[in-house]
């Protein structure tokens, strides 16, 4: 499912227009990004947790030249589904 298909399915489920569903989706994505950028964690009961994890600097290898390359430390977004969401997915 791509973004447009998701927005259409969301619009149908919530009885929104596709335009309104698209606006809601963009607002949600922007809010999540801004909150994570501010260093906060988002916990949504029954769904999951968005957070930022720090990835340490490390040495990698360029597969073409086999040369060692330093990879800088960075922050990466992370999402972990909640137990109730996982249970719902596994109970058919």
PDB file of N, CA and C in Angstrom:
ATOM      1  N   UNK A   1       0.852  -1.172   0.000  1.00  0.00           N
ATOM      2  CA  UNK A   1       0.000   0.000   0.000  1.00  0.00           C
ATOM      3  C   UNK A   1       0.897   1.233   0.000  1.00  0.00           C
ATOM      4  N   UNK A   2       0.665   2.136  -0.928  1.00  0.00           N
ATOM      5  CA  UNK A   2       1.435   3.369  -0.950  1.00  0.00           C
ATOM      6  C   UNK A   2       0.664   4.490  -0.242  1.00  0.00           C
ATOM      7  N   UNK A   3       1.239   5.674  -0.227  1.00  0.00           N
ATOM      8  CA  UNK A   3       0.662   6.798   0.520  1.00  0.00           C
ATOM      9  C   UNK A   3      -0.751   7.131   0.015  1.00  0.00           C
ATOM     10  N   UNK A   4      -0.930   7.227  -1.300  1.00  0.00           N
ATOM     11  CA  UNK A   4      -2.247   7.576  -1.853  1.00  0.00           C
ATOM     12  C   UNK A   4      -3.286   6.517  -1.514  1.00  0.00           C
ATOM     13  N   UNK A   5      -2.918   5.256  -1.606  1.00  0.00           N
ATOM     14  CA  UNK A   5      -3.841   4.174  -1.266  1.00  0.00           C
ATOM     15  C   UNK A   5      -4.203   4.225   0.211  1.00  0.00           C
ATOM     16  N   UNK A   6      -3.208   4.531   1.062  1.00  0.00           N
ATOM     17  CA  UNK A   6      -3.462   4.648   2.492  1.00  0.00           C
ATOM     18  C   UNK A   6      -4.442   5.788   2.775  1.00  0.00           C
ATOM     19  N   UNK A   7      -4.197   6.942   2.157  1.00  0.00           N
ATOM     20  CA  UNK A   7      -5.082   8.100   2.375  1.00  0.00           C
ATOM     21  C   UNK A   7      -6.491   7.796   1.906  1.00  0.00           C
ATOM     22  N   UNK A   8      -6.640   7.096   0.775  1.00  0.00           N
ATOM     23  CA  UNK A   8      -7.976   6.730   0.292  1.00  0.00           C
ATOM     24  C   UNK A   8      -8.667   5.789   1.276  1.00  0.00           C
ATOM     25  N   UNK A   9      -7.948   4.777   1.762  1.00  0.00           N
ATOM     26  CA  UNK A   9      -8.525   3.836   2.723  1.00  0.00           C
ATOM     27  C   UNK A   9      -8.886   4.547   4.027  1.00  0.00           C
ATOM     28  N   UNK A  10      -8.021   5.444   4.477  1.00  0.00           N
ATOM     29  CA  UNK A  10      -8.276   6.221   5.691  1.00  0.00           C
ATOM     30  C   UNK A  10      -9.508   7.094   5.511  1.00  0.00           C
ATOM     31  N   UNK A  11      -9.623   7.749   4.360  1.00  0.00           N
ATOM     32  CA  UNK A  11     -10.773   8.610   4.069  1.00  0.00           C
ATOM     33  C   UNK A  11     -12.067   7.805   4.070  1.00  0.00           C
ATOM     34  N   UNK A  12     -12.036   6.627   3.463  1.00  0.00           N
ATOM     35  CA  UNK A  12     -13.229   5.774   3.434  1.00  0.00           C
ATOM     36  C   UNK A  12     -13.628   5.330   4.836  1.00  0.00           C
ATOM     37  N   UNK A  13     -12.647   4.929   5.637  1.00  0.00           N
ATOM     38  CA  UNK A  13     -12.913   4.425   6.987  1.00  0.00           C
ATOM     39  C   UNK A  13     -13.447   5.531   7.902  1.00  0.00           C
ATOM     40  N   UNK A  14     -12.869   6.735   7.793  1.00  0.00           N
ATOM     41  CA  UNK A  14     -13.239   7.846   8.686  1.00  0.00           C
ATOM     42  C   UNK A  14     -14.363   8.708   8.108  1.00  0.00           C
ATOM     43  N   UNK A  15     -14.812   8.369   6.905  1.00  0.00           N
ATOM     44  CA  UNK A  15     -15.840   9.138   6.207  1.00  0.00           C
ATOM     45  C   UNK A  15     -15.417  10.589   6.016  1.00  0.00           C
ATOM     46  N   UNK A  16     -14.151  10.757   5.593  1.00  0.00           N
ATOM     47  CA  UNK A  16     -13.588  12.063   5.234  1.00  0.00           C
ATOM     48  C   UNK A  16     -13.512  12.129   3.717  1.00  0.00           C
ATOM     49  N   UNK A  17     -13.319  13.332   3.201  1.00  0.00           N
ATOM     50  CA  UNK A  17     -12.940  13.437   1.797  1.00  0.00           C
ATOM     51  C   UNK A  17     -11.466  13.060   1.716  1.00  0.00           C
ATOM     52  N   UNK A  18     -11.023  12.680   0.525  1.00  0.00           N
ATOM     53  CA  UNK A  18      -9.614  12.335   0.381  1.00  0.00           C
ATOM     54  C   UNK A  18      -8.727  13.543   0.653  1.00  0.00           C
ATOM     55  N   UNK A  19      -9.213  14.725   0.311  1.00  0.00           N
ATOM     56  CA  UNK A  19      -8.444  15.946   0.566  1.00  0.00           C
ATOM     57  C   UNK A  19      -8.260  16.147   2.067  1.00  0.00           C
ATOM     58  N   UNK A  20      -9.350  15.999   2.846  1.00  0.00           N
ATOM     59  CA  UNK A  20      -9.269  16.165   4.299  1.00  0.00           C
ATOM     60  C   UNK A  20      -8.393  15.088   4.931  1.00  0.00           C
ATOM     61  N   UNK A  21      -8.502  13.857   4.430  1.00  0.00           N
ATOM     62  CA  UNK A  21      -7.671  12.770   4.950  1.00  0.00           C
ATOM     63  C   UNK A  21      -6.199  13.047   4.662  1.00  0.00           C
ATOM     64  N   UNK A  22      -5.903  13.588   3.488  1.00  0.00           N
ATOM     65  CA  UNK A  22      -4.530  13.936   3.140  1.00  0.00           C
ATOM     66  C   UNK A  22      -3.985  15.030   4.039  1.00  0.00           C
ATOM     67  N   UNK A  23      -4.818  16.031   4.333  1.00  0.00           N
ATOM     68  CA  UNK A  23      -4.415  17.119   5.229  1.00  0.00           C
ATOM     69  C   UNK A  23      -4.160  16.564   6.630  1.00  0.00           C
ATOM     70  N   UNK A  24      -5.034  15.687   7.101  1.00  0.00           N
ATOM     71  CA  UNK A  24      -4.875  15.088   8.436  1.00  0.00           C
ATOM     72  C   UNK A  24      -3.603  14.251   8.494  1.00  0.00           C
ATOM     73  N   UNK A  25      -3.337  13.482   7.443  1.00  0.00           N
ATOM     74  CA  UNK A  25      -2.134  12.648   7.401  1.00  0.00           C
ATOM     75  C   UNK A  25      -0.875  13.508   7.444  1.00  0.00           C
ATOM     76  N   UNK A  26      -0.832  14.550   6.620  1.00  0.00           N
ATOM     77  CA  UNK A  26       0.332  15.442   6.592  1.00  0.00           C
ATOM     78  C   UNK A  26       0.535  16.135   7.939  1.00  0.00           C
ATOM     79  N   UNK A  27      -0.563  16.547   8.571  1.00  0.00           N
ATOM     80  CA  UNK A  27      -0.467  17.195   9.880  1.00  0.00           C
ATOM     81  C   UNK A  27       0.074  16.227  10.923  1.00  0.00           C
ATOM     82  N   UNK A  28      -0.384  14.974  10.874  1.00  0.00           N
ATOM     83  CA  UNK A  28       0.100  13.964  11.813  1.00  0.00           C
ATOM     84  C   UNK A  28       1.593  13.711  11.617  1.00  0.00           C
ATOM     85  N   UNK A  29       2.004  13.528  10.363  1.00  0.00           N
ATOM     86  CA  UNK A  29       3.414  13.256  10.069  1.00  0.00           C
ATOM     87  C   UNK A  29       4.299  14.425  10.493  1.00  0.00           C
ATOM     88  N   UNK A  30       3.844  15.645  10.246  1.00  0.00           N
ATOM     89  CA  UNK A  30       4.618  16.834  10.624  1.00  0.00           C
ATOM     90  C   UNK A  30       4.710  16.973  12.143  1.00  0.00           C
ATOM     91  N   UNK A  31       3.619  16.689  12.838  1.00  0.00           N
ATOM     92  CA  UNK A  31       3.612  16.772  14.301  1.00  0.00           C
ATOM     93  C   UNK A  31       4.565  15.743  14.899  1.00  0.00           C
ATOM     94  N   UNK A  32       4.553  14.533  14.368  1.00  0.00           N
ATOM     95  CA  UNK A  32       5.466  13.488  14.850  1.00  0.00           C
ATOM     96  C   UNK A  32       6.910  13.921  14.629  1.00  0.00           C
ATOM     97  N   UNK A  33       7.218  14.423  13.433  1.00  0.00           N
ATOM     98  CA  UNK A  33       8.586  14.845  13.116  1.00  0.00           C
ATOM     99  C   UNK A  33       9.042  15.972  14.032  1.00  0.00           C
ATOM    100  N   UNK A  34       8.195  16.977  14.254  1.00  0.00           N
ATOM    101  CA  UNK A  34       8.563  18.108  15.105  1.00  0.00           C
ATOM    102  C   UNK A  34       8.766  17.667  16.557  1.00  0.00           C
ATOM    103  N   UNK A  35       7.919  16.775  17.028  1.00  0.00           N
ATOM    104  CA  UNK A  35       8.028  16.305  18.401  1.00  0.00           C
ATOM    105  C   UNK A  35       9.310  15.509  18.603  1.00  0.00           C
ATOM    106  N   UNK A  36       9.633  14.629  17.656  1.00  0.00           N
ATOM    107  CA  UNK A  36      10.868  13.848  17.746  1.00  0.00           C
ATOM    108  C   UNK A  36      12.092  14.750  17.630  1.00  0.00           C
ATOM    109  N   UNK A  37      12.022  15.745  16.759  1.00  0.00           N
ATOM    110  CA  UNK A  37      13.138  16.674  16.589  1.00  0.00           C
ATOM    111  C   UNK A  37      13.393  17.450  17.876  1.00  0.00           C
ATOM    112  N   UNK A  38      12.333  17.705  18.655  1.00  0.00           N
ATOM    113  CA  UNK A  38      12.466  18.411  19.923  1.00  0.00           C
ATOM    114  C   UNK A  38      12.998  17.493  21.023  1.00  0.00           C
ATOM    115  N   UNK A  39      13.204  16.214  20.698  1.00  0.00           N
ATOM    116  CA  UNK A  39      13.766  15.273  21.667  1.00  0.00           C
ATOM    117  C   UNK A  39      12.727  14.597  22.546  1.00  0.00           C
ATOM    118  N   UNK A  40      11.453  14.733  22.195  1.00  0.00           N
ATOM    119  CA  UNK A  40      10.397  14.106  22.987  1.00  0.00           C
ATOM    120  C   UNK A  40       9.982  12.773  22.373  1.00  0.00           C
ATOM    121  N   UNK A  41       9.357  11.948  23.193  1.00  0.00           N
ATOM    122  CA  UNK A  41       8.859  10.646  22.783  1.00  0.00           C
ATOM    123  C   UNK A  41       7.339  10.742  22.687  1.00  0.00           C
ATOM    124  N   UNK A  42       6.729  10.012  21.750  1.00  0.00           N
ATOM    125  CA  UNK A  42       5.280   9.994  21.592  1.00  0.00           C
ATOM    126  C   UNK A  42       4.787   8.590  21.894  1.00  0.00           C
ATOM    127  N   UNK A  43       3.912   8.464  22.892  1.00  0.00           N
ATOM    128  CA  UNK A  43       3.320   7.175  23.238  1.00  0.00           C
ATOM    129  C   UNK A  43       1.828   7.250  22.972  1.00  0.00           C
ATOM    130  N   UNK A  44       1.336   6.370  22.099  1.00  0.00           N
ATOM    131  CA  UNK A  44      -0.078   6.325  21.770  1.00  0.00           C
ATOM    132  C   UNK A  44      -0.601   4.978  22.256  1.00  0.00           C
ATOM    133  N   UNK A  45      -1.412   5.021  23.303  1.00  0.00           N
ATOM    134  CA  UNK A  45      -1.937   3.791  23.904  1.00  0.00           C
ATOM    135  C   UNK A  45      -2.698   2.983  22.857  1.00  0.00           C
ATOM    136  N   UNK A  46      -2.444   1.689  22.826  1.00  0.00           N
ATOM    137  CA  UNK A  46      -3.108   0.800  21.895  1.00  0.00           C
ATOM    138  C   UNK A  46      -2.480   0.797  20.510  1.00  0.00           C
ATOM    139  N   UNK A  47      -1.468   1.622  20.302  1.00  0.00           N
ATOM    140  CA  UNK A  47      -0.832   1.689  18.984  1.00  0.00           C
ATOM    141  C   UNK A  47       0.669   1.463  19.080  1.00  0.00           C
ATOM    142  N   UNK A  48       1.389   2.403  19.727  1.00  0.00           N
ATOM    143  CA  UNK A  48       2.828   2.224  19.835  1.00  0.00           C
ATOM    144  C   UNK A  48       3.548   3.469  20.286  1.00  0.00           C
ATOM    145  N   UNK A  49       4.874   3.445  20.180  1.00  0.00           N
ATOM    146  CA  UNK A  49       5.733   4.527  20.664  1.00  0.00           C
ATOM    147  C   UNK A  49       6.713   4.958  19.586  1.00  0.00           C
ATOM    148  N   UNK A  50       6.729   6.264  19.330  1.00  0.00           N
ATOM    149  CA  UNK A  50       7.719   6.872  18.444  1.00  0.00           C
ATOM    150  C   UNK A  50       8.794   7.475  19.328  1.00  0.00           C
ATOM    151  N   UNK A  51      10.069   7.263  18.972  1.00  0.00           N
ATOM    152  CA  UNK A  51      11.150   7.886  19.720  1.00  0.00           C
ATOM    153  C   UNK A  51      12.384   8.016  18.833  1.00  0.00           C
ATOM    154  N   UNK A  52      13.360   8.774  19.314  1.00  0.00           N
ATOM    155  CA  UNK A  52      14.620   8.952  18.597  1.00  0.00           C
ATOM    156  C   UNK A  52      15.684   8.145  19.337  1.00  0.00           C
ATOM    157  N   UNK A  53      16.426   7.368  18.577  1.00  0.00           N
ATOM    158  CA  UNK A  53      17.538   6.615  19.154  1.00  0.00           C
ATOM    159  C   UNK A  53      18.831   7.164  18.588  1.00  0.00           C
ATOM    160  N   UNK A  54      19.861   7.173  19.423  1.00  0.00           N
ATOM    161  CA  UNK A  54      21.161   7.665  18.994  1.00  0.00           C
ATOM    162  C   UNK A  54      21.986   6.499  18.454  1.00  0.00           C
ATOM    163  N   UNK A  55      22.526   6.678  17.265  1.00  0.00           N
ATOM    164  CA  UNK A  55      23.386   5.660  16.662  1.00  0.00           C
ATOM    165  C   UNK A  55      24.826   6.156  16.794  1.00  0.00           C
ATOM    166  N   UNK A  56      25.660   5.367  17.412  1.00  0.00           N
ATOM    167  CA  UNK A  56      27.060   5.741  17.655  1.00  0.00           C
ATOM    168  C   UNK A  56      27.855   5.771  16.358  1.00  0.00           C
ATOM    169  N   UNK A  57      28.939   6.524  16.377  1.00  0.00           N
ATOM    170  CA  UNK A  57      29.851   6.554  15.231  1.00  0.00           C
ATOM    171  C   UNK A  57      30.467   5.164  15.077  1.00  0.00           C
ATOM    172  N   UNK A  58      30.749   4.813  13.838  1.00  0.00           N
ATOM    173  CA  UNK A  58      31.312   3.486  13.604  1.00  0.00           C
ATOM    174  C   UNK A  58      32.129   3.498  12.320  1.00  0.00           C
ATOM    175  N   UNK A  59      32.830   2.422  12.081  1.00  0.00           N
ATOM    176  CA  UNK A  59      33.621   2.285  10.862  1.00  0.00           C
ATOM    177  C   UNK A  59      32.917   1.296   9.949  1.00  0.00           C
ATOM    178  N   UNK A  60      32.709   1.705   8.711  1.00  0.00           N
ATOM    179  CA  UNK A  60      32.090   0.835   7.720  1.00  0.00           C
ATOM    180  C   UNK A  60      33.084   0.528   6.620  1.00  0.00           C
ATOM    181  N   UNK A  61      32.659  -0.281   5.664  1.00  0.00           N
ATOM    182  CA  UNK A  61      33.523  -0.638   4.544  1.00  0.00           C
ATOM    183  C   UNK A  61      32.783  -0.327   3.250  1.00  0.00           C
ATOM    184  N   UNK A  62      33.436   0.430   2.364  1.00  0.00           N
ATOM    185  CA  UNK A  62      32.882   0.709   1.050  1.00  0.00           C
ATOM    186  C   UNK A  62      32.925  -0.594   0.263  1.00  0.00           C
ATOM    187  N   UNK A  63      31.758  -1.125  -0.160  1.00  0.00           N
ATOM    188  CA  UNK A  63      31.755  -2.430  -0.825  1.00  0.00           C
ATOM    189  C   UNK A  63      32.463  -2.443  -2.185  1.00  0.00           C
ATOM    190  N   UNK A  64      32.579  -1.296  -2.817  1.00  0.00           N
ATOM    191  CA  UNK A  64      33.247  -1.252  -4.122  1.00  0.00           C
ATOM    192  C   UNK A  64      34.761  -1.256  -3.994  1.00  0.00           C
ATOM    193  N   UNK A  65      35.271  -0.445  -3.055  1.00  0.00           N
ATOM    194  CA  UNK A  65      36.723  -0.295  -2.941  1.00  0.00           C
ATOM    195  C   UNK A  65      37.316  -1.060  -1.766  1.00  0.00           C
ATOM    196  N   UNK A  66      36.476  -1.594  -0.922  1.00  0.00           N
ATOM    197  CA  UNK A  66      36.894  -2.296   0.312  1.00  0.00           C
ATOM    198  C   UNK A  66      37.649  -1.370   1.253  1.00  0.00           C
ATOM    199  N   UNK A  67      37.525  -0.079   1.028  1.00  0.00           N
ATOM    200  CA  UNK A  67      38.188   0.915   1.864  1.00  0.00           C
ATOM    201  C   UNK A  67      37.350   1.166   3.126  1.00  0.00           C
ATOM    202  N   UNK A  68      38.021   1.348   4.266  1.00  0.00           N
ATOM    203  CA  UNK A  68      37.319   1.646   5.513  1.00  0.00           C
ATOM    204  C   UNK A  68      36.860   3.098   5.498  1.00  0.00           C
ATOM    205  N   UNK A  69      35.626   3.308   5.955  1.00  0.00           N
ATOM    206  CA  UNK A  69      35.023   4.635   5.943  1.00  0.00           C
ATOM    207  C   UNK A  69      34.462   4.920   7.328  1.00  0.00           C
ATOM    208  N   UNK A  70      34.706   6.137   7.831  1.00  0.00           N
ATOM    209  CA  UNK A  70      34.128   6.522   9.118  1.00  0.00           C
ATOM    210  C   UNK A  70      32.696   6.981   8.889  1.00  0.00           C
ATOM    211  N   UNK A  71      31.775   6.434   9.678  1.00  0.00           N
ATOM    212  CA  UNK A  71      30.366   6.815   9.613  1.00  0.00           C
ATOM    213  C   UNK A  71      30.065   7.602  10.880  1.00  0.00           C
ATOM    214  N   UNK A  72      29.593   8.821  10.715  1.00  0.00           N
ATOM    215  CA  UNK A  72      29.348   9.718  11.848  1.00  0.00           C
ATOM    216  C   UNK A  72      28.166   9.239  12.695  1.00  0.00           C
ATOM    217  N   UNK A  73      28.178   9.644  13.957  1.00  0.00           N
ATOM    218  CA  UNK A  73      27.050   9.368  14.843  1.00  0.00           C
ATOM    219  C   UNK A  73      25.843  10.136  14.339  1.00  0.00           C
ATOM    220  N   UNK A  74      24.650   9.594  14.563  1.00  0.00           N
ATOM    221  CA  UNK A  74      23.437  10.277  14.120  1.00  0.00           C
ATOM    222  C   UNK A  74      22.249   9.829  14.966  1.00  0.00           C
ATOM    223  N   UNK A  75      21.165  10.547  14.805  1.00  0.00           N
ATOM    224  CA  UNK A  75      19.904  10.198  15.456  1.00  0.00           C
ATOM    225  C   UNK A  75      19.016   9.526  14.418  1.00  0.00           C
ATOM    226  N   UNK A  76      18.321   8.460  14.820  1.00  0.00           N
ATOM    227  CA  UNK A  76      17.423   7.762  13.902  1.00  0.00           C
ATOM    228  C   UNK A  76      16.046   7.620  14.547  1.00  0.00           C
ATOM    229  N   UNK A  77      14.977   7.806  13.754  1.00  0.00           N
ATOM    230  CA  UNK A  77      13.634   7.625  14.291  1.00  0.00           C
ATOM    231  C   UNK A  77      13.361   6.138  14.496  1.00  0.00           C
ATOM    232  N   UNK A  78      12.573   5.844  15.523  1.00  0.00           N
ATOM    233  CA  UNK A  78      12.247   4.461  15.846  1.00  0.00           C
ATOM    234  C   UNK A  78      10.773   4.371  16.214  1.00  0.00           C
ATOM    235  N   UNK A  79      10.144   3.262  15.851  1.00  0.00           N
ATOM    236  CA  UNK A  79       8.754   3.023  16.233  1.00  0.00           C
ATOM    237  C   UNK A  79       8.631   1.609  16.745  1.00  0.00           C
ATOM    238  N   UNK A  80       7.961   1.455  17.877  1.00  0.00           N
ATOM    239  CA  UNK A  80       7.728   0.128  18.452  1.00  0.00           C
ATOM    240  C   UNK A  80       6.232  -0.021  18.665  1.00  0.00           C
ATOM    241  N   UNK A  81       5.639  -1.054  18.060  1.00  0.00           N
ATOM    242  CA  UNK A  81       4.220  -1.292  18.226  1.00  0.00           C
ATOM    243  C   UNK A  81       3.916  -1.719  19.653  1.00  0.00           C
ATOM    244  N   UNK A  82       2.761  -1.320  20.162  1.00  0.00           N
ATOM    245  CA  UNK A  82       2.327  -1.696  21.499  1.00  0.00           C
ATOM    246  C   UNK A  82       1.822  -3.125  21.527  1.00  0.00           C
ATOM    247  N   UNK A  83       1.779  -3.704  22.716  1.00  0.00           N
ATOM    248  CA  UNK A  83       1.349  -5.096  22.861  1.00  0.00           C
ATOM    249  C   UNK A  83      -0.077  -5.321  22.387  1.00  0.00           C
ATOM    250  N   UNK A  84      -0.996  -4.390  22.688  1.00  0.00           N
ATOM    251  CA  UNK A  84      -2.388  -4.589  22.280  1.00  0.00           C
ATOM    252  C   UNK A  84      -2.514  -4.566  20.761  1.00  0.00           C
ATOM    253  N   UNK A  85      -1.699  -3.762  20.082  1.00  0.00           N
ATOM    254  CA  UNK A  85      -1.718  -3.736  18.617  1.00  0.00           C
ATOM    255  C   UNK A  85      -1.210  -5.060  18.073  1.00  0.00           C
ATOM    256  N   UNK A  86      -0.127  -5.577  18.653  1.00  0.00           N
ATOM    257  CA  UNK A  86       0.431  -6.860  18.220  1.00  0.00           C
ATOM    258  C   UNK A  86      -0.568  -7.984  18.450  1.00  0.00           C
ATOM    259  N   UNK A  87      -1.232  -7.969  19.602  1.00  0.00           N
ATOM    260  CA  UNK A  87      -2.218  -9.003  19.913  1.00  0.00           C
ATOM    261  C   UNK A  87      -3.379  -8.942  18.927  1.00  0.00           C
ATOM    262  N   UNK A  88      -3.831  -7.739  18.620  1.00  0.00           N
ATOM    263  CA  UNK A  88      -4.928  -7.560  17.682  1.00  0.00           C
ATOM    264  C   UNK A  88      -4.540  -8.087  16.292  1.00  0.00           C
ATOM    265  N   UNK A  89      -3.294  -7.882  15.908  1.00  0.00           N
ATOM    266  CA  UNK A  89      -2.812  -8.344  14.617  1.00  0.00           C
ATOM    267  C   UNK A  89      -2.759  -9.868  14.557  1.00  0.00           C
ATOM    268  N   UNK A  90      -2.402 -10.495  15.662  1.00  0.00           N
ATOM    269  CA  UNK A  90      -2.264 -11.946  15.681  1.00  0.00           C
ATOM    270  C   UNK A  90      -3.573 -12.685  15.950  1.00  0.00           C
ATOM    271  N   UNK A  91      -4.578 -12.018  16.508  1.00  0.00           N
ATOM    272  CA  UNK A  91      -5.890 -12.643  16.722  1.00  0.00           C
ATOM    273  C   UNK A  91      -6.758 -12.340  15.521  1.00  0.00           C
ATOM    274  N   UNK A  92      -6.995 -13.329  14.731  1.00  0.00           N
ATOM    275  CA  UNK A  92      -7.715 -13.115  13.470  1.00  0.00           C
ATOM    276  C   UNK A  92      -9.173 -13.123  13.643  1.00  0.00           C
TER     277      UNK A  92
END
